[in-house]
Amino acid sequence: MASTAPQARSLYRNLLRYSNRFANYNFREYGKRRTRDAFRKNRDVQDPTAIQELIQKGQDELRMLKRQTVISQFYQLDRLVVEGQASGKQKGEHGDIVRQKDTGWD
């Protein structure tokens, strides 16, 4: 078990790191929440074969997460209000925020 603990910690950090790379806020939060919940759920597993299976499943999830974060970078939209930064530039008398980039919907 001593050799699996650092492996599990590294997997946990990598899953959180790659979850944070999603362009979309909702996907980022979902990835982080799902990672934390899965590790909390399996925190008390003692069987070495079960631990290895869980680590293998986590590594498969990490590979999928890496692919999906790259794909999500192709479809970036404006940031949401909950993300703490308004996108665009201010124009007009009331400080309205106007979209800067064309999303291709017109």
PDB file of N, CA and C in Angstrom:
ATOM      1  N   MET A   1       0.806  -1.185   0.000  1.00  0.00           N
ATOM      2  CA  MET A   1       0.000   0.000   0.000  1.00  0.00           C
ATOM      3  C   MET A   1       0.857   1.259   0.000  1.00  0.00           C
ATOM      4  N   ALA A   2       2.053   1.150   0.510  1.00  0.00           N
ATOM      5  CA  ALA A   2       2.931   2.317   0.582  1.00  0.00           C
ATOM      6  C   ALA A   2       3.248   2.860  -0.811  1.00  0.00           C
ATOM      7  N   SER A   3       3.370   1.981  -1.806  1.00  0.00           N
ATOM      8  CA  SER A   3       3.692   2.458  -3.151  1.00  0.00           C
ATOM      9  C   SER A   3       2.459   3.005  -3.866  1.00  0.00           C
ATOM     10  N   THR A   4       1.257   2.608  -3.420  1.00  0.00           N
ATOM     11  CA  THR A   4       0.051   3.109  -4.084  1.00  0.00           C
ATOM     12  C   THR A   4      -0.382   4.470  -3.562  1.00  0.00           C
ATOM     13  N   ALA A   5      -0.001   4.822  -2.352  1.00  0.00           N
ATOM     14  CA  ALA A   5      -0.410   6.120  -1.797  1.00  0.00           C
ATOM     15  C   ALA A   5       0.133   7.292  -2.619  1.00  0.00           C
ATOM     16  N   PRO A   6       1.433   7.327  -2.928  1.00  0.00           N
ATOM     17  CA  PRO A   6       1.922   8.436  -3.768  1.00  0.00           C
ATOM     18  C   PRO A   6       1.314   8.404  -5.177  1.00  0.00           C
ATOM     19  N   GLN A   7       1.076   7.202  -5.670  1.00  0.00           N
ATOM     20  CA  GLN A   7       0.471   7.056  -6.992  1.00  0.00           C
ATOM     21  C   GLN A   7      -0.953   7.624  -6.984  1.00  0.00           C
ATOM     22  N   ALA A   8      -1.706   7.344  -5.927  1.00  0.00           N
ATOM     23  CA  ALA A   8      -3.076   7.851  -5.807  1.00  0.00           C
ATOM     24  C   ALA A   8      -3.083   9.371  -5.635  1.00  0.00           C
ATOM     25  N   ARG A   9      -2.154   9.895  -4.836  1.00  0.00           N
ATOM     26  CA  ARG A   9      -2.070  11.356  -4.656  1.00  0.00           C
ATOM     27  C   ARG A   9      -1.728  12.054  -5.971  1.00  0.00           C
ATOM     28  N   SER A  10      -0.806  11.484  -6.710  1.00  0.00           N
ATOM     29  CA  SER A  10      -0.424  12.050  -8.001  1.00  0.00           C
ATOM     30  C   SER A  10      -1.605  12.022  -8.973  1.00  0.00           C
ATOM     31  N   LEU A  11      -2.327  10.922  -8.983  1.00  0.00           N
ATOM     32  CA  LEU A  11      -3.507  10.807  -9.841  1.00  0.00           C
ATOM     33  C   LEU A  11      -4.547  11.852  -9.456  1.00  0.00           C
ATOM     34  N   TYR A  12      -4.773  12.018  -8.168  1.00  0.00           N
ATOM     35  CA  TYR A  12      -5.738  13.001  -7.665  1.00  0.00           C
ATOM     36  C   TYR A  12      -5.354  14.416  -8.111  1.00  0.00           C
ATOM     37  N   ARG A  13      -4.095  14.771  -7.926  1.00  0.00           N
ATOM     38  CA  ARG A  13      -3.627  16.105  -8.328  1.00  0.00           C
ATOM     39  C   ARG A  13      -3.770  16.310  -9.837  1.00  0.00           C
ATOM     40  N   ASN A  14      -3.412  15.296 -10.619  1.00  0.00           N
ATOM     41  CA  ASN A  14      -3.519  15.417 -12.077  1.00  0.00           C
ATOM     42  C   ASN A  14      -4.965  15.538 -12.526  1.00  0.00           C
ATOM     43  N   LEU A  15      -5.865  14.780 -11.916  1.00  0.00           N
ATOM     44  CA  LEU A  15      -7.278  14.894 -12.278  1.00  0.00           C
ATOM     45  C   LEU A  15      -7.807  16.289 -11.973  1.00  0.00           C
ATOM     46  N   LEU A  16      -7.447  16.839 -10.825  1.00  0.00           N
ATOM     47  CA  LEU A  16      -7.883  18.203 -10.495  1.00  0.00           C
ATOM     48  C   LEU A  16      -7.249  19.228 -11.426  1.00  0.00           C
ATOM     49  N   ARG A  17      -5.976  19.027 -11.736  1.00  0.00           N
ATOM     50  CA  ARG A  17      -5.267  19.959 -12.621  1.00  0.00           C
ATOM     51  C   ARG A  17      -5.910  19.988 -14.009  1.00  0.00           C
ATOM     52  N   TYR A  18      -6.191  18.817 -14.557  1.00  0.00           N
ATOM     53  CA  TYR A  18      -6.787  18.784 -15.893  1.00  0.00           C
ATOM     54  C   TYR A  18      -8.252  19.196 -15.877  1.00  0.00           C
ATOM     55  N   SER A  19      -8.953  18.969 -14.775  1.00  0.00           N
ATOM     56  CA  SER A  19     -10.333  19.454 -14.671  1.00  0.00           C
ATOM     57  C   SER A  19     -10.354  20.972 -14.724  1.00  0.00           C
ATOM     58  N   ASN A  20      -9.339  21.590 -14.178  1.00  0.00           N
ATOM     59  CA  ASN A  20      -9.256  23.048 -14.144  1.00  0.00           C
ATOM     60  C   ASN A  20      -8.952  23.654 -15.514  1.00  0.00           C
ATOM     61  N   ARG A  21      -8.585  22.855 -16.470  1.00  0.00           N
ATOM     62  CA  ARG A  21      -8.224  23.371 -17.797  1.00  0.00           C
ATOM     63  C   ARG A  21      -9.404  23.483 -18.754  1.00  0.00           C
ATOM     64  N   PHE A  22     -10.582  23.032 -18.332  1.00  0.00           N
ATOM     65  CA  PHE A  22     -11.746  23.163 -19.212  1.00  0.00           C
ATOM     66  C   PHE A  22     -12.047  24.627 -19.448  1.00  0.00           C
ATOM     67  N   ALA A  23     -12.455  24.965 -20.662  1.00  0.00           N
ATOM     68  CA  ALA A  23     -12.808  26.338 -20.978  1.00  0.00           C
ATOM     69  C   ALA A  23     -14.137  26.719 -20.340  1.00  0.00           C
ATOM     70  N   ASN A  24     -15.031  25.776 -20.202  1.00  0.00           N
ATOM     71  CA  ASN A  24     -16.362  26.025 -19.680  1.00  0.00           C
ATOM     72  C   ASN A  24     -16.373  25.873 -18.161  1.00  0.00           C
ATOM     73  N   TYR A  25     -16.916  26.859 -17.479  1.00  0.00           N
ATOM     74  CA  TYR A  25     -16.982  26.858 -16.013  1.00  0.00           C
ATOM     75  C   TYR A  25     -17.707  25.623 -15.477  1.00  0.00           C
ATOM     76  N   ASN A  26     -18.847  25.283 -16.064  1.00  0.00           N
ATOM     77  CA  ASN A  26     -19.633  24.152 -15.569  1.00  0.00           C
ATOM     78  C   ASN A  26     -18.868  22.840 -15.696  1.00  0.00           C
ATOM     79  N   PHE A  27     -18.143  22.649 -16.776  1.00  0.00           N
ATOM     80  CA  PHE A  27     -17.343  21.437 -16.943  1.00  0.00           C
ATOM     81  C   PHE A  27     -16.200  21.392 -15.935  1.00  0.00           C
ATOM     82  N   ARG A  28     -15.567  22.556 -15.698  1.00  0.00           N
ATOM     83  CA  ARG A  28     -14.483  22.617 -14.708  1.00  0.00           C
ATOM     84  C   ARG A  28     -14.982  22.199 -13.337  1.00  0.00           C
ATOM     85  N   GLU A  29     -16.086  22.788 -12.924  1.00  0.00           N
ATOM     86  CA  GLU A  29     -16.610  22.486 -11.592  1.00  0.00           C
ATOM     87  C   GLU A  29     -17.085  21.043 -11.491  1.00  0.00           C
ATOM     88  N   TYR A  30     -17.697  20.534 -12.542  1.00  0.00           N
ATOM     89  CA  TYR A  30     -18.149  19.142 -12.542  1.00  0.00           C
ATOM     90  C   TYR A  30     -16.963  18.189 -12.420  1.00  0.00           C
ATOM     91  N   GLY A  31     -15.904  18.441 -13.170  1.00  0.00           N
ATOM     92  CA  GLY A  31     -14.728  17.580 -13.110  1.00  0.00           C
ATOM     93  C   GLY A  31     -14.083  17.566 -11.732  1.00  0.00           C
ATOM     94  N   LYS A  32     -13.969  18.747 -11.122  1.00  0.00           N
ATOM     95  CA  LYS A  32     -13.380  18.826  -9.782  1.00  0.00           C
ATOM     96  C   LYS A  32     -14.265  18.136  -8.753  1.00  0.00           C
ATOM     97  N   ARG A  33     -15.580  18.375  -8.846  1.00  0.00           N
ATOM     98  CA  ARG A  33     -16.503  17.762  -7.897  1.00  0.00           C
ATOM     99  C   ARG A  33     -16.518  16.241  -8.026  1.00  0.00           C
ATOM    100  N   ARG A  34     -16.513  15.771  -9.260  1.00  0.00           N
ATOM    101  CA  ARG A  34     -16.543  14.322  -9.478  1.00  0.00           C
ATOM    102  C   ARG A  34     -15.256  13.655  -8.970  1.00  0.00           C
ATOM    103  N   THR A  35     -14.131  14.304  -9.178  1.00  0.00           N
ATOM    104  CA  THR A  35     -12.853  13.772  -8.689  1.00  0.00           C
ATOM    105  C   THR A  35     -12.848  13.690  -7.172  1.00  0.00           C
ATOM    106  N   ARG A  36     -13.227  14.775  -6.525  1.00  0.00           N
ATOM    107  CA  ARG A  36     -13.244  14.786  -5.053  1.00  0.00           C
ATOM    108  C   ARG A  36     -14.203  13.739  -4.501  1.00  0.00           C
ATOM    109  N   ASP A  37     -15.388  13.649  -5.095  1.00  0.00           N
ATOM    110  CA  ASP A  37     -16.380  12.684  -4.611  1.00  0.00           C
ATOM    111  C   ASP A  37     -15.899  11.244  -4.772  1.00  0.00           C
ATOM    112  N   ALA A  38     -15.267  10.940  -5.903  1.00  0.00           N
ATOM    113  CA  ALA A  38     -14.783   9.573  -6.142  1.00  0.00           C
ATOM    114  C   ALA A  38     -13.688   9.196  -5.147  1.00  0.00           C
ATOM    115  N   PHE A  39     -12.790  10.126  -4.870  1.00  0.00           N
ATOM    116  CA  PHE A  39     -11.711   9.820  -3.922  1.00  0.00           C
ATOM    117  C   PHE A  39     -12.244   9.712  -2.495  1.00  0.00           C
ATOM    118  N   ARG A  40     -13.223  10.539  -2.146  1.00  0.00           N
ATOM    119  CA  ARG A  40     -13.825  10.420  -0.812  1.00  0.00           C
ATOM    120  C   ARG A  40     -14.571   9.100  -0.658  1.00  0.00           C
ATOM    121  N   LYS A  41     -15.267   8.712  -1.699  1.00  0.00           N
ATOM    122  CA  LYS A  41     -16.054   7.466  -1.659  1.00  0.00           C
ATOM    123  C   LYS A  41     -15.148   6.255  -1.446  1.00  0.00           C
ATOM    124  N   ASN A  42     -13.980   6.263  -2.059  1.00  0.00           N
ATOM    125  CA  ASN A  42     -13.091   5.100  -2.021  1.00  0.00           C
ATOM    126  C   ASN A  42     -11.932   5.275  -1.048  1.00  0.00           C
ATOM    127  N   ARG A  43     -12.044   6.202  -0.147  1.00  0.00           N
ATOM    128  CA  ARG A  43     -10.965   6.476   0.794  1.00  0.00           C
ATOM    129  C   ARG A  43     -10.652   5.301   1.715  1.00  0.00           C
ATOM    130  N   ASP A  44     -11.651   4.497   2.055  1.00  0.00           N
ATOM    131  CA  ASP A  44     -11.461   3.420   3.029  1.00  0.00           C
ATOM    132  C   ASP A  44     -11.201   2.057   2.404  1.00  0.00           C
ATOM    133  N   VAL A  45     -10.970   1.988   1.103  1.00  0.00           N
ATOM    134  CA  VAL A  45     -10.699   0.704   0.441  1.00  0.00           C
ATOM    135  C   VAL A  45      -9.328   0.198   0.888  1.00  0.00           C
ATOM    136  N   GLN A  46      -9.281  -1.058   1.323  1.00  0.00           N
ATOM    137  CA  GLN A  46      -8.034  -1.638   1.839  1.00  0.00           C
ATOM    138  C   GLN A  46      -7.460  -2.735   0.937  1.00  0.00           C
ATOM    139  N   ASP A  47      -8.305  -3.362   0.124  1.00  0.00           N
ATOM    140  CA  ASP A  47      -7.871  -4.471  -0.722  1.00  0.00           C
ATOM    141  C   ASP A  47      -6.904  -3.979  -1.807  1.00  0.00           C
ATOM    142  N   PRO A  48      -5.686  -4.523  -1.867  1.00  0.00           N
ATOM    143  CA  PRO A  48      -4.695  -4.041  -2.847  1.00  0.00           C
ATOM    144  C   PRO A  48      -5.140  -4.211  -4.303  1.00  0.00           C
ATOM    145  N   THR A  49      -5.833  -5.292  -4.613  1.00  0.00           N
ATOM    146  CA  THR A  49      -6.289  -5.466  -5.995  1.00  0.00           C
ATOM    147  C   THR A  49      -7.381  -4.455  -6.338  1.00  0.00           C
ATOM    148  N   ALA A  50      -8.254  -4.165  -5.380  1.00  0.00           N
ATOM    149  CA  ALA A  50      -9.300  -3.165  -5.609  1.00  0.00           C
ATOM    150  C   ALA A  50      -8.683  -1.781  -5.774  1.00  0.00           C
ATOM    151  N   ILE A  51      -7.656  -1.508  -4.998  1.00  0.00           N
ATOM    152  CA  ILE A  51      -6.966  -0.215  -5.107  1.00  0.00           C
ATOM    153  C   ILE A  51      -6.326  -0.081  -6.482  1.00  0.00           C
ATOM    154  N   GLN A  52      -5.670  -1.142  -6.952  1.00  0.00           N
ATOM    155  CA  GLN A  52      -5.043  -1.100  -8.286  1.00  0.00           C
ATOM    156  C   GLN A  52      -6.094  -0.915  -9.378  1.00  0.00           C
ATOM    157  N   GLU A  53      -7.246  -1.570  -9.233  1.00  0.00           N
ATOM    158  CA  GLU A  53      -8.319  -1.396 -10.217  1.00  0.00           C
ATOM    159  C   GLU A  53      -8.829   0.044 -10.213  1.00  0.00           C
ATOM    160  N   LEU A  54      -8.968   0.622  -9.032  1.00  0.00           N
ATOM    161  CA  LEU A  54      -9.429   2.008  -8.944  1.00  0.00           C
ATOM    162  C   LEU A  54      -8.405   2.974  -9.532  1.00  0.00           C
ATOM    163  N   ILE A  55      -7.140   2.717  -9.292  1.00  0.00           N
ATOM    164  CA  ILE A  55      -6.089   3.574  -9.870  1.00  0.00           C
ATOM    165  C   ILE A  55      -6.089   3.455 -11.389  1.00  0.00           C
ATOM    166  N   GLN A  56      -6.263   2.234 -11.888  1.00  0.00           N
ATOM    167  CA  GLN A  56      -6.321   2.040 -13.346  1.00  0.00           C
ATOM    168  C   GLN A  56      -7.525   2.765 -13.939  1.00  0.00           C
ATOM    169  N   LYS A  57      -8.662   2.677 -13.268  1.00  0.00           N
ATOM    170  CA  LYS A  57      -9.858   3.383 -13.733  1.00  0.00           C
ATOM    171  C   LYS A  57      -9.612   4.891 -13.715  1.00  0.00           C
ATOM    172  N   GLY A  58      -8.950   5.383 -12.668  1.00  0.00           N
ATOM    173  CA  GLY A  58      -8.628   6.803 -12.586  1.00  0.00           C
ATOM    174  C   GLY A  58      -7.691   7.248 -13.696  1.00  0.00           C
ATOM    175  N   GLN A  59      -6.729   6.413 -14.044  1.00  0.00           N
ATOM    176  CA  GLN A  59      -5.810   6.752 -15.139  1.00  0.00           C
ATOM    177  C   GLN A  59      -6.531   6.772 -16.485  1.00  0.00           C
ATOM    178  N   ASP A  60      -7.492   5.872 -16.656  1.00  0.00           N
ATOM    179  CA  ASP A  60      -8.311   5.911 -17.867  1.00  0.00           C
ATOM    180  C   ASP A  60      -9.125   7.202 -17.925  1.00  0.00           C
ATOM    181  N   GLU A  61      -9.677   7.589 -16.778  1.00  0.00           N
ATOM    182  CA  GLU A  61     -10.435   8.846 -16.700  1.00  0.00           C
ATOM    183  C   GLU A  61      -9.530  10.047 -16.982  1.00  0.00           C
ATOM    184  N   LEU A  62      -8.299   9.987 -16.514  1.00  0.00           N
ATOM    185  CA  LEU A  62      -7.355  11.076 -16.753  1.00  0.00           C
ATOM    186  C   LEU A  62      -7.043  11.206 -18.239  1.00  0.00           C
ATOM    187  N   ARG A  63      -6.843  10.083 -18.920  1.00  0.00           N
ATOM    188  CA  ARG A  63      -6.593  10.142 -20.365  1.00  0.00           C
ATOM    189  C   ARG A  63      -7.780  10.752 -21.101  1.00  0.00           C
ATOM    190  N   MET A  64      -8.998  10.369 -20.705  1.00  0.00           N
ATOM    191  CA  MET A  64     -10.183  10.935 -21.322  1.00  0.00           C
ATOM    192  C   MET A  64     -10.273  12.435 -21.020  1.00  0.00           C
ATOM    193  N   LEU A  65      -9.961  12.813 -19.795  1.00  0.00           N
ATOM    194  CA  LEU A  65     -10.011  14.212 -19.388  1.00  0.00           C
ATOM    195  C   LEU A  65      -9.024  15.055 -20.192  1.00  0.00           C
ATOM    196  N   LYS A  66      -7.835  14.526 -20.433  1.00  0.00           N
ATOM    197  CA  LYS A  66      -6.841  15.244 -21.238  1.00  0.00           C
ATOM    198  C   LYS A  66      -7.369  15.500 -22.644  1.00  0.00           C
ATOM    199  N   ARG A  67      -7.978  14.480 -23.251  1.00  0.00           N
ATOM    200  CA  ARG A  67      -8.541  14.659 -24.596  1.00  0.00           C
ATOM    201  C   ARG A  67      -9.654  15.697 -24.599  1.00  0.00           C
ATOM    202  N   GLN A  68     -10.542  15.609 -23.621  1.00  0.00           N
ATOM    203  CA  GLN A  68     -11.687  16.508 -23.586  1.00  0.00           C
ATOM    204  C   GLN A  68     -11.293  17.958 -23.302  1.00  0.00           C
ATOM    205  N   THR A  69     -10.256  18.163 -22.493  1.00  0.00           N
ATOM    206  CA  THR A  69      -9.845  19.542 -22.230  1.00  0.00           C
ATOM    207  C   THR A  69      -9.258  20.178 -23.484  1.00  0.00           C
ATOM    208  N   VAL A  70      -8.553  19.403 -24.283  1.00  0.00           N
ATOM    209  CA  VAL A  70      -8.020  19.936 -25.543  1.00  0.00           C
ATOM    210  C   VAL A  70      -9.170  20.296 -26.474  1.00  0.00           C
ATOM    211  N   ILE A  71     -10.155  19.423 -26.562  1.00  0.00           N
ATOM    212  CA  ILE A  71     -11.307  19.692 -27.426  1.00  0.00           C
ATOM    213  C   ILE A  71     -12.066  20.919 -26.936  1.00  0.00           C
ATOM    214  N   SER A  72     -12.213  21.063 -25.621  1.00  0.00           N
ATOM    215  CA  SER A  72     -12.977  22.197 -25.090  1.00  0.00           C
ATOM    216  C   SER A  72     -12.299  23.527 -25.396  1.00  0.00           C
ATOM    217  N   GLN A  73     -10.988  23.528 -25.593  1.00  0.00           N
ATOM    218  CA  GLN A  73     -10.278  24.766 -25.908  1.00  0.00           C
ATOM    219  C   GLN A  73     -10.667  25.304 -27.282  1.00  0.00           C
ATOM    220  N   PHE A  74     -11.155  24.429 -28.160  1.00  0.00           N
ATOM    221  CA  PHE A  74     -11.573  24.871 -29.490  1.00  0.00           C
ATOM    222  C   PHE A  74     -12.897  25.623 -29.457  1.00  0.00           C
ATOM    223  N   TYR A  75     -13.671  25.467 -28.392  1.00  0.00           N
ATOM    224  CA  TYR A  75     -15.019  26.026 -28.320  1.00  0.00           C
ATOM    225  C   TYR A  75     -15.164  26.988 -27.146  1.00  0.00           C
ATOM    226  N   GLN A  76     -14.265  27.916 -27.020  1.00  0.00           N
ATOM    227  CA  GLN A  76     -14.325  28.872 -25.913  1.00  0.00           C
ATOM    228  C   GLN A  76     -15.386  29.929 -26.192  1.00  0.00           C
ATOM    229  N   LEU A  77     -16.179  30.198 -25.181  1.00  0.00           N
ATOM    230  CA  LEU A  77     -17.169  31.266 -25.247  1.00  0.00           C
ATOM    231  C   LEU A  77     -16.821  32.308 -24.191  1.00  0.00           C
ATOM    232  N   ASP A  78     -17.636  33.334 -24.110  1.00  0.00           N
ATOM    233  CA  ASP A  78     -17.418  34.363 -23.098  1.00  0.00           C
ATOM    234  C   ASP A  78     -17.485  33.746 -21.712  1.00  0.00           C
ATOM    235  N   ARG A  79     -16.758  34.334 -20.793  1.00  0.00           N
ATOM    236  CA  ARG A  79     -16.760  33.862 -19.407  1.00  0.00           C
ATOM    237  C   ARG A  79     -18.096  34.199 -18.754  1.00  0.00           C
ATOM    238  N   LEU A  80     -18.504  33.375 -17.807  1.00  0.00           N
ATOM    239  CA  LEU A  80     -19.747  33.593 -17.094  1.00  0.00           C
ATOM    240  C   LEU A  80     -19.544  34.600 -15.969  1.00  0.00           C
ATOM    241  N   VAL A  81     -20.619  35.173 -15.485  1.00  0.00           N
ATOM    242  CA  VAL A  81     -20.560  36.139 -14.405  1.00  0.00           C
ATOM    243  C   VAL A  81     -20.010  35.495 -13.143  1.00  0.00           C
ATOM    244  N   VAL A  82     -20.353  34.230 -12.878  1.00  0.00           N
ATOM    245  CA  VAL A  82     -19.895  33.549 -11.667  1.00  0.00           C
ATOM    246  C   VAL A  82     -18.391  33.314 -11.665  1.00  0.00           C
ATOM    247  N   GLU A  83     -17.750  33.468 -12.798  1.00  0.00           N
ATOM    248  CA  GLU A  83     -16.307  33.275 -12.879  1.00  0.00           C
ATOM    249  C   GLU A  83     -15.537  34.499 -12.407  1.00  0.00           C
ATOM    250  N   GLY A  84     -16.240  35.605 -12.149  1.00  0.00           N
ATOM    251  CA  GLY A  84     -15.599  36.748 -11.527  1.00  0.00           C
ATOM    252  C   GLY A  84     -15.022  37.776 -12.458  1.00  0.00           C
ATOM    253  N   GLN A  85     -15.058  37.556 -13.750  1.00  0.00           N
ATOM    254  CA  GLN A  85     -14.507  38.543 -14.676  1.00  0.00           C
ATOM    255  C   GLN A  85     -15.514  38.777 -15.785  1.00  0.00           C
ATOM    256  N   ALA A  86     -15.794  40.031 -16.056  1.00  0.00           N
ATOM    257  CA  ALA A  86     -16.661  40.368 -17.172  1.00  0.00           C
ATOM    258  C   ALA A  86     -15.810  40.418 -18.424  1.00  0.00           C
ATOM    259  N   SER A  87     -16.309  39.826 -19.489  1.00  0.00           N
ATOM    260  CA  SER A  87     -15.548  39.877 -20.731  1.00  0.00           C
ATOM    261  C   SER A  87     -16.132  40.966 -21.621  1.00  0.00           C
ATOM    262  N   GLY A  88     -15.366  41.393 -22.569  1.00  0.00           N
ATOM    263  CA  GLY A  88     -15.810  42.448 -23.453  1.00  0.00           C
ATOM    264  C   GLY A  88     -15.224  43.781 -23.015  1.00  0.00           C
ATOM    265  N   LYS A  89     -15.619  44.820 -23.707  1.00  0.00           N
ATOM    266  CA  LYS A  89     -15.130  46.138 -23.321  1.00  0.00           C
ATOM    267  C   LYS A  89     -16.320  47.038 -23.030  1.00  0.00           C
ATOM    268  N   GLN A  90     -16.115  47.998 -22.176  1.00  0.00           N
ATOM    269  CA  GLN A  90     -17.213  48.863 -21.781  1.00  0.00           C
ATOM    270  C   GLN A  90     -17.399  49.959 -22.810  1.00  0.00           C
ATOM    271  N   LYS A  91     -18.664  50.186 -23.136  1.00  0.00           N
ATOM    272  CA  LYS A  91     -19.025  51.223 -24.087  1.00  0.00           C
ATOM    273  C   LYS A  91     -20.319  51.866 -23.632  1.00  0.00           C
ATOM    274  N   GLY A  92     -20.588  53.025 -24.130  1.00  0.00           N
ATOM    275  CA  GLY A  92     -21.867  53.664 -23.854  1.00  0.00           C
ATOM    276  C   GLY A  92     -21.849  54.486 -22.583  1.00  0.00           C
ATOM    277  N   GLU A  93     -22.992  55.113 -22.333  1.00  0.00           N
ATOM    278  CA  GLU A  93     -23.099  56.005 -21.194  1.00  0.00           C
ATOM    279  C   GLU A  93     -23.225  55.259 -19.873  1.00  0.00           C
ATOM    280  N   HIS A  94     -23.777  54.060 -19.891  1.00  0.00           N
ATOM    281  CA  HIS A  94     -24.070  53.341 -18.656  1.00  0.00           C
ATOM    282  C   HIS A  94     -23.033  52.270 -18.340  1.00  0.00           C
ATOM    283  N   GLY A  95     -21.941  52.245 -19.071  1.00  0.00           N
ATOM    284  CA  GLY A  95     -20.912  51.248 -18.821  1.00  0.00           C
ATOM    285  C   GLY A  95     -21.338  49.846 -19.230  1.00  0.00           C
ATOM    286  N   ASP A  96     -22.194  49.762 -20.244  1.00  0.00           N
ATOM    287  CA  ASP A  96     -22.643  48.454 -20.708  1.00  0.00           C
ATOM    288  C   ASP A  96     -21.469  47.655 -21.254  1.00  0.00           C
ATOM    289  N   ILE A  97     -21.541  46.354 -21.130  1.00  0.00           N
ATOM    290  CA  ILE A  97     -20.492  45.488 -21.659  1.00  0.00           C
ATOM    291  C   ILE A  97     -20.965  44.938 -22.995  1.00  0.00           C
ATOM    292  N   VAL A  98     -20.121  45.082 -23.987  1.00  0.00           N
ATOM    293  CA  VAL A  98     -20.441  44.662 -25.343  1.00  0.00           C
ATOM    294  C   VAL A  98     -19.514  43.518 -25.720  1.00  0.00           C
ATOM    295  N   ARG A  99     -20.038  42.542 -26.424  1.00  0.00           N
ATOM    296  CA  ARG A  99     -19.231  41.410 -26.861  1.00  0.00           C
ATOM    297  C   ARG A  99     -18.118  41.852 -27.789  1.00  0.00           C
ATOM    298  N   GLN A 100     -16.918  41.337 -27.560  1.00  0.00           N
ATOM    299  CA  GLN A 100     -15.784  41.670 -28.408  1.00  0.00           C
ATOM    300  C   GLN A 100     -15.625  40.688 -29.546  1.00  0.00           C
ATOM    301  N   LYS A 101     -15.825  39.412 -29.274  1.00  0.00           N
ATOM    302  CA  LYS A 101     -15.506  38.431 -30.307  1.00  0.00           C
ATOM    303  C   LYS A 101     -16.764  37.920 -30.961  1.00  0.00           C
ATOM    304  N   ASP A 102     -16.637  37.602 -32.207  1.00  0.00           N
ATOM    305  CA  ASP A 102     -17.736  37.051 -32.980  1.00  0.00           C
ATOM    306  C   ASP A 102     -17.824  35.558 -32.710  1.00  0.00           C
ATOM    307  N   THR A 103     -19.011  35.078 -32.338  1.00  0.00           N
ATOM    308  CA  THR A 103     -19.170  33.652 -32.045  1.00  0.00           C
ATOM    309  C   THR A 103     -19.587  32.860 -33.273  1.00  0.00           C
ATOM    310  N   GLY A 104     -19.840  33.530 -34.389  1.00  0.00           N
ATOM    311  CA  GLY A 104     -20.192  32.826 -35.608  1.00  0.00           C
ATOM    312  C   GLY A 104     -21.659  32.484 -35.722  1.00  0.00           C
ATOM    313  N   TRP A 105     -22.493  33.009 -34.859  1.00  0.00           N
ATOM    314  CA  TRP A 105     -23.922  32.679 -34.896  1.00  0.00           C
ATOM    315  C   TRP A 105     -24.689  33.595 -35.848  1.00  0.00           C
ATOM    316  N   ASP A 106     -24.119  34.691 -36.282  1.00  0.00           N
ATOM    317  CA  ASP A 106     -24.839  35.650 -37.134  1.00  0.00           C
ATOM    318  C   ASP A 106     -24.894  35.214 -38.547  1.00  0.00           C
TER     319      ASP A 106
END
